[in-house]
Amino acid sequence: IVNEIAEYKDKIELDTQRLKEVEGRLNLINSLKSKYGSTI
């Protein structure tokens, strides 16, 4: 299992710009949920 996890880790690419975009959208969604309720 350790080898499989290590191989998987090596295949993962970190896209910091995409991460920022997703975090921004999640923050917006959470803000809207606070304003309008959790059923948006």
Protein backbone atom coordinates (compact mmCIF):
# COMPACT_ATOMS: atom_id res chain seq x y z
CA ILE A 1 0.00 0.00 0.00
CA VAL A 2 2.83 2.41 0.81
CA ASN A 3 4.28 2.03 -2.68
CA GLU A 4 0.88 2.60 -4.28
CA ILE A 5 0.36 5.77 -2.26
CA ALA A 6 3.83 7.02 -3.16
CA GLU A 7 3.16 6.40 -6.86
CA TYR A 8 -0.18 8.17 -6.65
CA LYS A 9 1.41 11.13 -4.88
CA ASP A 10 3.97 11.47 -7.66
CA LYS A 11 1.19 11.62 -10.29
CA ILE A 12 -0.70 14.47 -8.61
CA GLU A 13 -0.07 17.88 -10.14
CA LEU A 14 -0.44 21.03 -8.06
CA ASP A 15 -2.10 23.85 -9.96
CA THR A 16 -2.01 26.81 -7.59
CA GLN A 17 -4.02 29.08 -9.90
CA ARG A 18 -6.83 26.51 -10.17
CA LEU A 19 -6.73 26.00 -6.40
CA LYS A 20 -7.21 29.75 -5.86
CA GLU A 21 -10.14 29.77 -8.30
CA VAL A 22 -11.86 26.88 -6.54
CA GLU A 23 -11.27 28.38 -3.10
CA GLY A 24 -12.74 31.68 -4.31
CA ARG A 25 -15.85 29.95 -5.61
CA LEU A 26 -16.25 28.01 -2.38
CA ASN A 27 -15.95 31.24 -0.39
CA LEU A 28 -18.61 32.84 -2.60
CA ILE A 29 -20.93 29.85 -2.18
CA ASN A 30 -20.48 29.90 1.59
CA SER A 31 -21.15 33.64 1.65
CA LEU A 32 -24.35 33.16 -0.34
CA LYS A 33 -25.40 30.33 1.97
CA SER A 34 -24.93 32.63 4.96
CA LYS A 35 -26.98 35.36 3.29
CA TYR A 36 -29.80 33.28 1.77
CA GLY A 37 -29.75 30.04 3.74
CA SER A 38 -28.19 26.69 3.01
CA THR A 39 -30.63 25.75 0.24
CA ILE A 40 -29.06 27.72 -2.60
